Amino acid sequence: MVDETDKNQFSRHLRLPGFGEEQQQFLKDAHVLVIGLGGLGNPVACYLAAAGIGKLTLMDFDRVEIHNIHRQFLFGVEDCGKFKAEAAAVQLRKQYPFVTVEFILNRFEENPSSELPAGITLIADCTDNTTARYAIDDRAAELHIPVMFGAVHRTEGHISLFHAKAGTRYSDAYPTPPTSPLVGSCEEEGVLGPVAGIIGSMMATCIIQHITTGITHADGRLIRFDANGLETFSVQIEPQSKKSYDNSLLAVDLTEARAFILKNASHQIIDVREAFEHEENNLGGICRPAGNIYEWLSEPDQGSSVLLYCNHGIQSYAVARLLAQKRPDLHIAHLKGGIYCEVTS
């Protein structure tokens, strides 16, 4: 039960509207498995421990290197060469002795069927590769455990809660893994340290919300943070089992998109990403950001054909649905999977 020490330590929680001793007890009873102790796993584990989570299990196979330290603040220079999961567990135990912290030295994607600790409340997917993410997605579906997903790339990041009330999963947001050489690791393309901290903090916030109230905006939505403009974008995800397309809303691959363009002489190609992304790489056409749709939805000529695209096909699908509602006169198609799945050379 929440005792006097807890009431004092978490008094700022207990002053929040709708957050009382019952909610603090929910945190105290929870067990979160954090997979990946890199730029996301560090803030997630730290903020959950600080919030009074009852138990953390940290899973990672990697060792601390000097280039990790700029975004992985649980480690110092003296930790180089140590296993991340073990070093993080040691540090968290020092800072938060009231939290049970265990660690597992394991590469999840190589051992997805290995036995997981009992009584897991939620999995925090802080990994940095799609193989691990799909493996975690499948295992979570099997065990019926919610997954808080996060990812960072250069100066942007994404989060979503899967396998929760909305019924979505990682494969709904990303039906196929990206194959484009445009997508590299942070080792190849870099990452701004504070962005990892922001995304990790957002993940921890949503985890706390889900555990204490069962409700978080990230459930069934993909939330994207862009550090360049300090803006946040959000699109709804539909479970694959509920997705359907009628004759006025087509989902096409790159080959089908080319046929669509040839067949529809009055077509218009629209990139619904941000302007800086369009400048960096694009498939042609004009840039009309998804967040500004109400400013440009009247632009396409009546009866014309429109082809929408984005990075992963999520924003373009959301825009296509809204455009179909507001402009039933248009013939609309969107590039499923986006350019990161379709551009291969």
Protein backbone atom coordinates (compact mmCIF):
# COMPACT_ATOMS: atom_id res chain seq x y z
CA MET A 1 0.00 0.00 0.00
CA VAL A 2 1.01 3.64 -0.42
CA ASP A 3 2.66 4.61 2.90
CA GLU A 4 3.71 7.94 4.39
CA THR A 5 7.10 7.76 2.70
CA ASP A 6 5.41 7.27 -0.67
CA LYS A 7 3.02 10.15 0.01
CA ASN A 8 5.97 12.43 0.69
CA GLN A 9 8.14 11.22 -2.18
CA PHE A 10 5.34 11.35 -4.77
CA SER A 11 3.46 14.31 -3.35
CA ARG A 12 3.66 16.18 -6.67
CA HIS A 13 1.92 13.26 -8.37
CA LEU A 14 -0.76 13.13 -5.72
CA ARG A 15 -1.56 16.81 -6.23
CA LEU A 16 -2.46 16.25 -9.88
CA PRO A 17 -6.20 16.27 -10.71
CA GLY A 18 -7.42 12.68 -11.00
CA PHE A 19 -4.15 11.24 -9.65
CA GLY A 20 -4.50 9.89 -6.14
CA GLU A 21 -3.16 7.14 -3.94
CA GLU A 22 -4.92 4.51 -6.05
CA GLN A 23 -3.05 5.64 -9.18
CA GLN A 24 0.26 5.66 -7.32
CA GLN A 25 -0.48 2.14 -6.14
CA PHE A 26 -1.08 1.07 -9.76
CA LEU A 27 2.45 2.25 -10.55
CA LYS A 28 3.85 0.52 -7.48
CA ASP A 29 2.23 -2.77 -8.57
CA ALA A 30 3.39 -2.51 -12.21
CA HIS A 31 6.24 -4.38 -13.88
CA VAL A 32 7.63 -2.86 -17.10
CA LEU A 33 10.04 -4.64 -19.43
CA VAL A 34 12.30 -2.11 -21.19
CA ILE A 35 13.88 -3.62 -24.31
CA GLY A 36 16.82 -1.54 -25.49
CA LEU A 37 18.88 0.68 -23.17
CA GLY A 38 19.96 3.27 -25.71
CA GLY A 39 18.81 6.84 -26.25
CA LEU A 40 15.16 5.94 -25.60
CA GLY A 41 15.57 3.24 -22.98
CA ASN A 42 17.59 5.56 -20.72
CA PRO A 43 14.92 8.25 -20.18
CA VAL A 44 12.09 5.69 -20.18
CA ALA A 45 13.70 3.60 -17.44
CA CYS A 46 14.80 6.64 -15.45
CA TYR A 47 11.43 8.41 -15.48
CA LEU A 48 9.50 5.23 -14.68
CA ALA A 49 11.79 4.49 -11.76
CA ALA A 50 11.50 8.07 -10.52
CA ALA A 51 7.70 7.87 -10.83
CA GLY A 52 7.56 4.92 -8.43
CA ILE A 53 7.15 1.97 -10.79
CA GLY A 54 7.35 -1.21 -8.75
CA LYS A 55 9.62 -3.28 -10.95
CA LEU A 56 11.76 -2.75 -14.03
CA THR A 57 13.40 -5.44 -16.11
CA LEU A 58 16.03 -4.08 -18.49
CA MET A 59 16.93 -6.09 -21.59
CA ASP A 60 19.90 -5.31 -23.84
CA PHE A 61 22.89 -7.15 -25.29
CA ASP A 62 25.16 -4.19 -26.10
CA ARG A 63 28.03 -2.57 -24.27
CA VAL A 64 28.53 1.12 -23.49
CA GLU A 65 30.69 3.02 -25.98
CA ILE A 66 31.95 6.59 -25.81
CA HIS A 67 29.60 7.78 -28.60
CA ASN A 68 26.56 6.64 -26.56
CA ILE A 69 27.07 9.11 -23.76
CA HIS A 70 25.74 12.21 -25.54
CA ARG A 71 22.19 10.80 -25.35
CA GLN A 72 22.37 7.91 -22.85
CA PHE A 73 22.70 9.78 -19.58
CA LEU A 74 22.65 6.80 -17.21
CA PHE A 75 26.21 6.08 -18.39
CA GLY A 76 29.50 7.91 -17.94
CA VAL A 77 32.95 7.52 -19.44
CA GLU A 78 33.81 5.08 -16.66
CA ASP A 79 31.04 2.73 -17.89
CA CYS A 80 32.54 2.20 -21.35
CA GLY A 81 32.91 -1.52 -21.99
CA LYS A 82 30.22 -2.50 -19.49
CA PHE A 83 26.93 -4.10 -20.52
CA LYS A 84 24.30 -1.37 -20.87
CA ALA A 85 21.53 -3.27 -19.12
CA GLU A 86 23.74 -4.10 -16.15
CA ALA A 87 25.26 -0.62 -15.86
CA ALA A 88 21.80 0.99 -16.08
CA ALA A 89 20.43 -1.38 -13.44
CA VAL A 90 23.29 -0.53 -11.06
CA GLN A 91 22.73 3.20 -11.50
CA LEU A 92 18.94 3.00 -11.12
CA ARG A 93 19.25 0.93 -7.95
CA LYS A 94 21.48 3.64 -6.46
CA GLN A 95 19.12 6.45 -7.41
CA TYR A 96 15.84 4.67 -6.68
CA PRO A 97 16.39 1.97 -4.02
CA PHE A 98 12.62 1.51 -3.62
CA VAL A 99 12.36 0.08 -7.17
CA THR A 100 13.18 -3.54 -7.99
CA VAL A 101 15.50 -3.45 -11.02
CA GLU A 102 16.61 -6.59 -12.84
CA PHE A 103 18.43 -7.01 -16.12
CA ILE A 104 18.68 -9.56 -18.93
CA LEU A 105 21.61 -9.72 -21.36
CA ASN A 106 19.80 -10.74 -24.51
CA ARG A 107 19.29 -9.67 -28.13
CA PHE A 108 15.52 -10.02 -28.38
CA GLU A 109 15.27 -10.37 -32.16
CA GLU A 110 17.60 -13.37 -32.06
CA ASN A 111 15.68 -15.04 -29.21
CA PRO A 112 12.06 -13.85 -29.58
CA SER A 113 10.65 -17.06 -28.13
CA SER A 114 12.87 -17.00 -25.04
CA GLU A 115 11.06 -16.95 -21.71
CA LEU A 116 10.17 -13.48 -20.49
CA PRO A 117 9.83 -12.50 -16.82
CA ALA A 118 6.46 -13.27 -15.26
CA GLY A 119 3.87 -10.63 -14.53
CA ILE A 120 4.85 -8.05 -17.12
CA THR A 121 2.39 -5.16 -17.20
CA LEU A 122 3.78 -3.49 -20.33
CA ILE A 123 6.72 -3.67 -22.74
CA ALA A 124 8.61 -0.51 -23.68
CA ASP A 125 10.05 -1.07 -27.16
CA CYS A 126 13.14 1.14 -27.19
CA THR A 127 14.97 -0.86 -29.85
CA ASP A 128 16.58 0.66 -32.92
CA ASN A 129 15.90 -1.89 -35.66
CA THR A 130 12.79 -3.16 -37.44
CA THR A 131 13.62 -6.85 -36.96
CA ALA A 132 13.37 -6.44 -33.19
CA ARG A 133 10.21 -4.35 -33.49
CA TYR A 134 8.34 -6.95 -35.53
CA ALA A 135 9.54 -9.69 -33.17
CA ILE A 136 8.31 -7.73 -30.13
CA ASP A 137 5.01 -7.04 -31.93
CA ASP A 138 4.43 -10.76 -32.56
CA ARG A 139 5.37 -11.79 -29.01
CA ALA A 140 3.18 -9.10 -27.47
CA ALA A 141 0.23 -10.25 -29.59
CA GLU A 142 0.80 -13.80 -28.36
CA LEU A 143 1.01 -12.76 -24.69
CA HIS A 144 -1.60 -9.95 -24.85
CA ILE A 145 0.79 -7.38 -23.41
CA PRO A 146 0.62 -3.67 -24.37
CA VAL A 147 3.68 -2.24 -26.12
CA MET A 148 4.82 1.37 -25.89
CA PHE A 149 6.76 1.95 -29.11
CA GLY A 150 9.26 4.71 -29.79
CA ALA A 151 11.75 5.52 -32.53
CA VAL A 152 14.10 8.40 -33.35
CA HIS A 153 15.67 9.44 -36.66
CA ARG A 154 17.92 12.47 -36.98
CA THR A 155 15.78 15.28 -35.52
CA GLU A 156 12.39 13.57 -35.36
CA GLY A 157 10.72 10.75 -33.51
CA HIS A 158 7.56 8.64 -33.37
CA ILE A 159 5.60 7.00 -30.56
CA SER A 160 2.50 4.82 -30.34
CA LEU A 161 0.87 2.44 -27.87
CA PHE A 162 0.09 -0.93 -29.45
CA HIS A 163 -1.92 -3.95 -28.24
CA ALA A 164 -4.08 -1.80 -25.99
CA LYS A 165 -7.72 -0.67 -26.14
CA ALA A 166 -7.56 0.55 -29.74
CA GLY A 167 -6.45 -2.91 -30.87
CA THR A 168 -3.64 -1.68 -33.11
CA ARG A 169 -0.21 -3.23 -33.47
CA TYR A 170 3.14 -2.28 -34.97
CA SER A 171 2.39 -4.13 -38.19
CA ASP A 172 -0.75 -2.03 -38.66
CA ALA A 173 1.35 1.13 -38.71
CA TYR A 174 4.18 -0.46 -40.68
CA PRO A 175 2.76 -3.39 -42.71
CA THR A 176 6.10 -3.95 -44.42
CA PRO A 177 9.61 -3.06 -43.22
CA PRO A 178 11.36 -0.16 -44.97
CA THR A 179 13.77 -1.30 -47.68
CA SER A 180 14.95 2.07 -48.90
CA PRO A 181 18.63 3.05 -48.62
CA LEU A 182 17.26 6.43 -47.54
CA VAL A 183 16.65 4.88 -44.12
CA GLY A 184 19.83 4.49 -42.11
CA SER A 185 20.75 3.94 -38.49
CA CYS A 186 21.68 6.73 -36.11
CA GLU A 187 25.29 5.54 -36.52
CA GLU A 188 25.04 6.33 -40.24
CA GLU A 189 22.82 9.41 -40.17
CA GLY A 190 23.18 10.79 -36.66
CA VAL A 191 20.63 11.70 -34.02
CA LEU A 192 20.21 14.83 -31.92
CA GLY A 193 20.60 13.76 -28.30
CA PRO A 194 17.77 15.85 -26.80
CA VAL A 195 15.33 14.46 -29.38
CA ALA A 196 15.90 10.97 -27.98
CA GLY A 197 15.26 12.44 -24.54
CA ILE A 198 12.03 14.10 -25.68
CA ILE A 199 10.69 10.93 -27.33
CA GLY A 200 11.73 8.82 -24.33
CA SER A 201 9.99 11.27 -22.00
CA MET A 202 6.84 11.13 -24.14
CA MET A 203 6.95 7.34 -23.97
CA ALA A 204 7.31 7.39 -20.18
CA THR A 205 4.41 9.85 -19.91
CA CYS A 206 2.14 7.61 -21.98
CA ILE A 207 3.18 4.52 -20.02
CA ILE A 208 2.30 6.23 -16.74
CA GLN A 209 -1.03 7.40 -18.18
CA HIS A 210 -1.86 3.92 -19.43
CA ILE A 211 -0.94 2.17 -16.19
CA THR A 212 -2.77 4.63 -13.93
CA THR A 213 -5.86 5.44 -16.03
CA GLY A 214 -5.94 3.01 -18.95
CA ILE A 215 -6.16 6.00 -21.30
CA THR A 216 -3.48 7.73 -23.36
CA HIS A 217 -3.65 9.67 -26.62
CA ALA A 218 -0.94 7.43 -28.08
CA ASP A 219 -3.25 4.39 -28.03
CA GLY A 220 -4.11 3.71 -31.67
CA ARG A 221 -2.36 6.83 -32.93
CA LEU A 222 1.08 7.45 -34.39
CA ILE A 223 2.47 10.64 -32.88
CA ARG A 224 5.37 12.32 -34.62
CA PHE A 225 7.60 15.01 -33.11
CA ASP A 226 9.62 17.24 -35.44
CA ALA A 227 12.41 19.07 -33.60
CA ASN A 228 13.14 21.37 -36.55
CA GLY A 229 9.79 23.11 -36.20
CA LEU A 230 9.12 22.03 -32.61
CA GLU A 231 5.83 20.62 -33.82
CA THR A 232 3.85 17.47 -33.07
CA PHE A 233 1.68 15.65 -35.61
CA SER A 234 -0.76 12.82 -34.95
CA VAL A 235 -2.58 10.35 -37.21
CA GLN A 236 -4.99 7.56 -36.34
CA ILE A 237 -4.02 3.96 -37.11
CA GLU A 238 -6.57 1.38 -38.16
CA PRO A 239 -6.15 -2.32 -37.42
CA GLN A 240 -5.47 -4.26 -40.62
CA SER A 241 -8.61 -6.32 -40.00
CA LYS A 242 -10.74 -3.16 -40.26
CA LYS A 243 -9.05 -1.55 -43.25
CA SER A 244 -10.98 -1.36 -46.46
CA TYR A 245 -10.79 0.70 -49.61
CA ASP A 246 -13.62 1.50 -52.02
CA ASN A 247 -13.35 2.44 -55.67
CA SER A 248 -12.79 6.11 -54.83
CA LEU A 249 -9.86 5.48 -52.47
CA LEU A 250 -7.06 3.29 -53.78
CA ALA A 251 -3.94 2.03 -52.01
CA VAL A 252 -1.24 1.45 -54.63
CA ASP A 253 2.36 0.33 -54.73
CA LEU A 254 4.96 2.09 -56.86
CA THR A 255 4.22 0.07 -60.00
CA GLU A 256 0.50 0.64 -59.61
CA ALA A 257 1.15 4.33 -58.93
CA ARG A 258 2.89 4.68 -62.29
CA ALA A 259 -0.04 2.95 -64.01
CA PHE A 260 -2.41 5.26 -62.14
CA ILE A 261 -0.51 8.30 -63.43
CA LEU A 262 -0.53 7.03 -67.02
CA LYS A 263 -4.24 6.22 -66.88
CA ASN A 264 -5.26 9.55 -65.35
CA ALA A 265 -4.13 12.40 -67.54
CA SER A 266 -5.32 15.09 -65.13
CA HIS A 267 -3.53 13.59 -62.15
CA GLN A 268 -1.86 15.57 -59.38
CA ILE A 269 0.92 14.16 -57.20
CA ILE A 270 0.96 15.51 -53.64
CA ASP A 271 3.65 14.92 -51.02
CA VAL A 272 1.90 15.31 -47.64
CA ARG A 273 5.13 15.46 -45.62
CA GLU A 274 6.82 18.64 -44.42
CA ALA A 275 8.65 20.94 -46.83
CA PHE A 276 12.11 20.07 -45.53
CA GLU A 277 11.42 16.37 -46.13
CA HIS A 278 10.21 17.06 -49.66
CA GLU A 279 13.39 19.02 -50.38
CA GLU A 280 15.55 16.19 -49.06
CA ASN A 281 13.97 13.47 -51.24
CA ASN A 282 10.70 13.12 -53.11
CA LEU A 283 8.85 11.35 -55.90
CA GLY A 284 7.93 14.57 -57.65
CA GLY A 285 4.74 16.59 -57.47
CA ILE A 286 3.98 19.37 -55.01
CA CYS A 287 4.38 19.50 -51.25
CA ARG A 288 1.22 20.06 -49.23
CA PRO A 289 1.75 19.08 -45.55
CA ALA A 290 -0.90 16.89 -43.94
CA GLY A 291 -1.24 19.29 -41.02
CA ASN A 292 -2.39 22.05 -43.39
CA ILE A 293 -4.95 20.03 -45.33
CA TYR A 294 -7.79 22.47 -44.70
CA GLU A 295 -5.71 25.16 -46.38
CA TRP A 296 -5.22 23.23 -49.62
CA LEU A 297 -8.05 20.68 -49.92
CA SER A 298 -9.85 22.94 -52.43
CA GLU A 299 -6.79 23.16 -54.73
CA PRO A 300 -7.26 19.98 -56.84
CA ASP A 301 -9.48 20.60 -59.86
CA GLN A 302 -12.95 19.12 -59.75
CA GLY A 303 -13.01 15.55 -61.04
CA SER A 304 -9.22 15.27 -61.14
CA SER A 305 -7.13 12.33 -59.93
CA VAL A 306 -4.86 12.77 -56.90
CA LEU A 307 -1.95 10.59 -55.80
CA LEU A 308 -0.77 11.16 -52.22
CA TYR A 309 2.46 9.94 -50.65
CA CYS A 310 4.52 10.25 -47.46
CA ASN A 311 7.34 8.37 -45.69
CA HIS A 312 5.52 5.23 -44.55
CA GLY A 313 2.02 5.50 -46.01
CA ILE A 314 0.37 6.42 -42.69
CA GLN A 315 -0.06 10.17 -43.15
CA SER A 316 -1.01 9.78 -46.81
CA TYR A 317 -3.70 7.25 -45.87
CA ALA A 318 -5.13 9.57 -43.19
CA VAL A 319 -5.15 12.49 -45.64
CA ALA A 320 -6.73 10.30 -48.35
CA ARG A 321 -9.61 9.37 -46.05
CA LEU A 322 -10.28 12.97 -45.07
CA LEU A 323 -9.92 14.21 -48.65
CA ALA A 324 -12.36 11.53 -49.82
CA GLN A 325 -14.92 12.82 -47.30
CA LYS A 326 -14.46 16.49 -48.15
CA ARG A 327 -13.88 16.10 -51.90
CA PRO A 328 -16.04 13.19 -53.17
CA ASP A 329 -15.53 14.51 -56.72
CA LEU A 330 -11.86 13.45 -56.69
CA HIS A 331 -10.31 10.12 -57.69
CA ILE A 332 -7.86 9.49 -54.86
CA ALA A 333 -4.96 7.08 -54.50
CA HIS A 334 -2.20 6.90 -51.92
CA LEU A 335 1.16 5.15 -51.95
CA LYS A 336 0.91 2.29 -49.45
CA GLY A 337 4.07 1.79 -47.45
CA GLY A 338 5.33 5.22 -48.48
CA ILE A 339 8.57 6.11 -50.20
CA TYR A 340 10.71 4.45 -47.50
CA CYS A 341 9.22 1.09 -48.47
CA GLU A 342 9.00 1.72 -52.18
CA VAL A 343 12.18 3.59 -53.15
CA THR A 344 14.92 1.01 -53.53
CA SER A 345 17.45 2.69 -55.78
